[in-house]
Amino acid sequence: MPAETAHPIDFQAERIRTVKDVNILLEFLGQRVDSRLQAHFEDTRGDLTVPIGKLAAPPCRTYRHFLNRLIAIGAPLPGTPADVVPASPSVDNVPEGDETLSDMAFL
C-alpha cells in the first residue's frame, strides 16, 4: 500500500476560502424573508420576551459585533477595497463571548 504524501496546509488559502464561503452564506441568509440569521443575536430580536428556537448558537452576543469581526478577519484579503475599514469595537465593554476564539474558530 503506497504511503500517503503529507501536504502542508496553506492556512492563508484556507482562511480566504472560508471567508468567501461565509460571505456567500451571509448573502443567502440576508435575502431570506424570515431573518433566520438575525434571530439568533440578542440585539436584532424584536420581542425579547418570546423565546426563539435556536438551531445553532452564534459565536458572539450581537449581530453588529459578528459583522465587525467578519470584516476584520476578511479585510486583508486580496481583492478587498482598501477603503474598507473595520468599525471600532463596541464601547459598552460588554463581553461578546468570542474573546477566546481564534479567527478560524470564529469562522
C-alpha atoms as a PDB file:
ATOM      1  CA  MET A   1       0.000   0.000   0.000  1.00  0.00           C
ATOM      2  CA  PRO A   2       1.611   3.291  -1.026  1.00  0.00           C
ATOM      3  CA  ALA A   3       2.250   5.800   1.705  1.00  0.00           C
ATOM      4  CA  GLU A   4       0.221   8.977   1.577  1.00  0.00           C
ATOM      5  CA  THR A   5       2.184  12.107   0.879  1.00  0.00           C
ATOM      6  CA  ALA A   6       1.734  14.753   3.510  1.00  0.00           C
ATOM      7  CA  HIS A   7       0.720  18.077   2.030  1.00  0.00           C
ATOM      8  CA  PRO A   8       1.219  21.066   4.280  1.00  0.00           C
ATOM      9  CA  ILE A   9      -1.938  23.058   4.923  1.00  0.00           C
ATOM     10  CA  ASP A  10      -1.870  26.525   3.406  1.00  0.00           C
ATOM     11  CA  PHE A  11      -3.649  28.379   6.206  1.00  0.00           C
ATOM     12  CA  GLN A  12      -3.821  31.650   4.271  1.00  0.00           C
ATOM     13  CA  ALA A  13      -5.565  29.953   1.357  1.00  0.00           C
ATOM     14  CA  GLU A  14      -7.928  28.136   3.741  1.00  0.00           C
ATOM     15  CA  ARG A  15      -8.709  31.419   5.512  1.00  0.00           C
ATOM     16  CA  ILE A  16      -9.517  33.116   2.213  1.00  0.00           C
ATOM     17  CA  ARG A  17     -11.733  30.208   1.138  1.00  0.00           C
ATOM     18  CA  THR A  18     -13.539  30.164   4.494  1.00  0.00           C
ATOM     19  CA  VAL A  19     -14.198  33.921   4.466  1.00  0.00           C
ATOM     20  CA  LYS A  20     -15.577  33.663   0.921  1.00  0.00           C
ATOM     21  CA  ASP A  21     -17.831  30.768   1.976  1.00  0.00           C
ATOM     22  CA  VAL A  22     -19.106  32.756   4.969  1.00  0.00           C
ATOM     23  CA  ASN A  23     -19.821  35.749   2.726  1.00  0.00           C
ATOM     24  CA  ILE A  24     -21.860  33.545   0.371  1.00  0.00           C
ATOM     25  CA  LEU A  25     -23.806  32.159   3.323  1.00  0.00           C
ATOM     26  CA  LEU A  26     -24.442  35.662   4.717  1.00  0.00           C
ATOM     27  CA  GLU A  27     -25.643  36.878   1.324  1.00  0.00           C
ATOM     28  CA  PHE A  28     -28.049  33.935   1.078  1.00  0.00           C
ATOM     29  CA  LEU A  29     -29.366  34.354   4.620  1.00  0.00           C
ATOM     30  CA  GLY A  30     -29.698  38.118   4.137  1.00  0.00           C
ATOM     31  CA  GLN A  31     -32.085  37.519   1.245  1.00  0.00           C
ATOM     32  CA  ARG A  32     -34.377  35.298   3.310  1.00  0.00           C
ATOM     33  CA  VAL A  33     -37.597  36.896   4.482  1.00  0.00           C
ATOM     34  CA  ASP A  34     -37.622  35.112   7.833  1.00  0.00           C
ATOM     35  CA  SER A  35     -34.369  36.734   9.094  1.00  0.00           C
ATOM     36  CA  ARG A  36     -33.155  33.376  10.250  1.00  0.00           C
ATOM     37  CA  LEU A  37     -29.605  34.550  10.980  1.00  0.00           C
ATOM     38  CA  GLN A  38     -30.531  37.752  12.817  1.00  0.00           C
ATOM     39  CA  ALA A  39     -32.961  35.915  15.111  1.00  0.00           C
ATOM     40  CA  HIS A  40     -30.020  34.378  16.980  1.00  0.00           C
ATOM     41  CA  PHE A  41     -28.464  37.682  18.080  1.00  0.00           C
ATOM     42  CA  GLU A  42     -29.934  39.485  21.063  1.00  0.00           C
ATOM     43  CA  ASP A  43     -29.640  42.961  19.533  1.00  0.00           C
ATOM     44  CA  THR A  44     -31.744  42.112  16.460  1.00  0.00           C
ATOM     45  CA  ARG A  45     -34.765  40.439  18.038  1.00  0.00           C
ATOM     46  CA  GLY A  46     -37.942  42.480  18.184  1.00  0.00           C
ATOM     47  CA  ASP A  47     -39.685  40.971  21.189  1.00  0.00           C
ATOM     48  CA  LEU A  48     -37.179  39.527  23.628  1.00  0.00           C
ATOM     49  CA  THR A  49     -39.925  38.005  25.795  1.00  0.00           C
ATOM     50  CA  VAL A  50     -40.846  35.496  23.086  1.00  0.00           C
ATOM     51  CA  PRO A  51     -38.426  32.567  23.164  1.00  0.00           C
ATOM     52  CA  ILE A  52     -36.971  31.502  19.847  1.00  0.00           C
ATOM     53  CA  GLY A  53     -35.995  28.039  18.832  1.00  0.00           C
ATOM     54  CA  LYS A  54     -32.256  28.182  18.300  1.00  0.00           C
ATOM     55  CA  LEU A  55     -30.906  25.914  15.616  1.00  0.00           C
ATOM     56  CA  ALA A  56     -27.334  26.871  16.453  1.00  0.00           C
ATOM     57  CA  ALA A  57     -25.529  29.130  18.887  1.00  0.00           C
ATOM     58  CA  PRO A  58     -23.951  32.256  17.397  1.00  0.00           C
ATOM     59  CA  PRO A  59     -20.240  32.768  18.128  1.00  0.00           C
ATOM     60  CA  CYS A  60     -20.906  36.136  19.795  1.00  0.00           C
ATOM     61  CA  ARG A  61     -23.650  38.105  21.528  1.00  0.00           C
ATOM     62  CA  THR A  62     -24.573  40.794  18.961  1.00  0.00           C
ATOM     63  CA  TYR A  63     -25.017  40.849  15.202  1.00  0.00           C
ATOM     64  CA  ARG A  64     -23.044  44.106  14.971  1.00  0.00           C
ATOM     65  CA  HIS A  65     -20.009  42.512  16.600  1.00  0.00           C
ATOM     66  CA  PHE A  66     -20.444  39.427  14.360  1.00  0.00           C
ATOM     67  CA  LEU A  67     -20.282  41.536  11.195  1.00  0.00           C
ATOM     68  CA  ASN A  68     -17.429  43.707  12.523  1.00  0.00           C
ATOM     69  CA  ARG A  69     -15.331  40.660  13.333  1.00  0.00           C
ATOM     70  CA  LEU A  70     -16.002  39.129   9.907  1.00  0.00           C
ATOM     71  CA  ILE A  71     -14.872  42.377   8.292  1.00  0.00           C
ATOM     72  CA  ALA A  72     -11.760  42.445  10.487  1.00  0.00           C
ATOM     73  CA  ILE A  73     -10.908  38.857   9.524  1.00  0.00           C
ATOM     74  CA  GLY A  74     -11.575  39.384   5.814  1.00  0.00           C
ATOM     75  CA  ALA A  75     -10.242  42.927   5.369  1.00  0.00           C
ATOM     76  CA  PRO A  76      -6.691  41.976   4.351  1.00  0.00           C
ATOM     77  CA  LEU A  77      -7.934  39.554   1.701  1.00  0.00           C
ATOM     78  CA  PRO A  78      -6.793  40.067  -1.874  1.00  0.00           C
ATOM     79  CA  GLY A  79      -9.386  41.961  -3.875  1.00  0.00           C
ATOM     80  CA  THR A  80     -10.836  43.743  -0.850  1.00  0.00           C
ATOM     81  CA  PRO A  81     -11.132  47.501  -1.403  1.00  0.00           C
ATOM     82  CA  ALA A  82      -8.559  49.471   0.569  1.00  0.00           C
ATOM     83  CA  ASP A  83     -11.227  51.832   1.899  1.00  0.00           C
ATOM     84  CA  VAL A  84     -12.955  49.051   3.873  1.00  0.00           C
ATOM     85  CA  VAL A  85     -12.080  49.760   7.488  1.00  0.00           C
ATOM     86  CA  PRO A  86     -13.382  47.638  10.354  1.00  0.00           C
ATOM     87  CA  ALA A  87     -15.767  49.515  12.633  1.00  0.00           C
ATOM     88  CA  SER A  88     -14.490  50.433  16.051  1.00  0.00           C
ATOM     89  CA  PRO A  89     -15.233  47.917  18.781  1.00  0.00           C
ATOM     90  CA  SER A  90     -18.300  48.351  20.923  1.00  0.00           C
ATOM     91  CA  VAL A  91     -17.878  50.984  23.619  1.00  0.00           C
ATOM     92  CA  ASP A  92     -20.226  49.342  26.135  1.00  0.00           C
ATOM     93  CA  ASN A  93     -17.483  46.861  27.182  1.00  0.00           C
ATOM     94  CA  VAL A  94     -19.993  44.016  27.499  1.00  0.00           C
ATOM     95  CA  PRO A  95     -18.274  40.711  26.723  1.00  0.00           C
ATOM     96  CA  GLU A  96     -19.365  39.287  23.390  1.00  0.00           C
ATOM     97  CA  GLY A  97     -18.439  35.702  24.197  1.00  0.00           C
ATOM     98  CA  ASP A  98     -15.867  35.261  21.424  1.00  0.00           C
ATOM     99  CA  GLU A  99     -12.853  36.760  23.175  1.00  0.00           C
ATOM    100  CA  THR A 100     -11.056  33.406  23.411  1.00  0.00           C
ATOM    101  CA  LEU A 101     -11.858  32.276  19.851  1.00  0.00           C
ATOM    102  CA  SER A 102      -9.227  32.440  17.162  1.00  0.00           C
ATOM    103  CA  ASP A 103     -10.277  33.806  13.772  1.00  0.00           C
ATOM    104  CA  MET A 104     -10.518  30.309  12.296  1.00  0.00           C
ATOM    105  CA  ALA A 105     -12.590  29.021  15.240  1.00  0.00           C
ATOM    106  CA  PHE A 106     -14.873  32.059  14.897  1.00  0.00           C
ATOM    107  CA  LEU A 107     -15.405  31.321  11.206  1.00  0.00           C
END
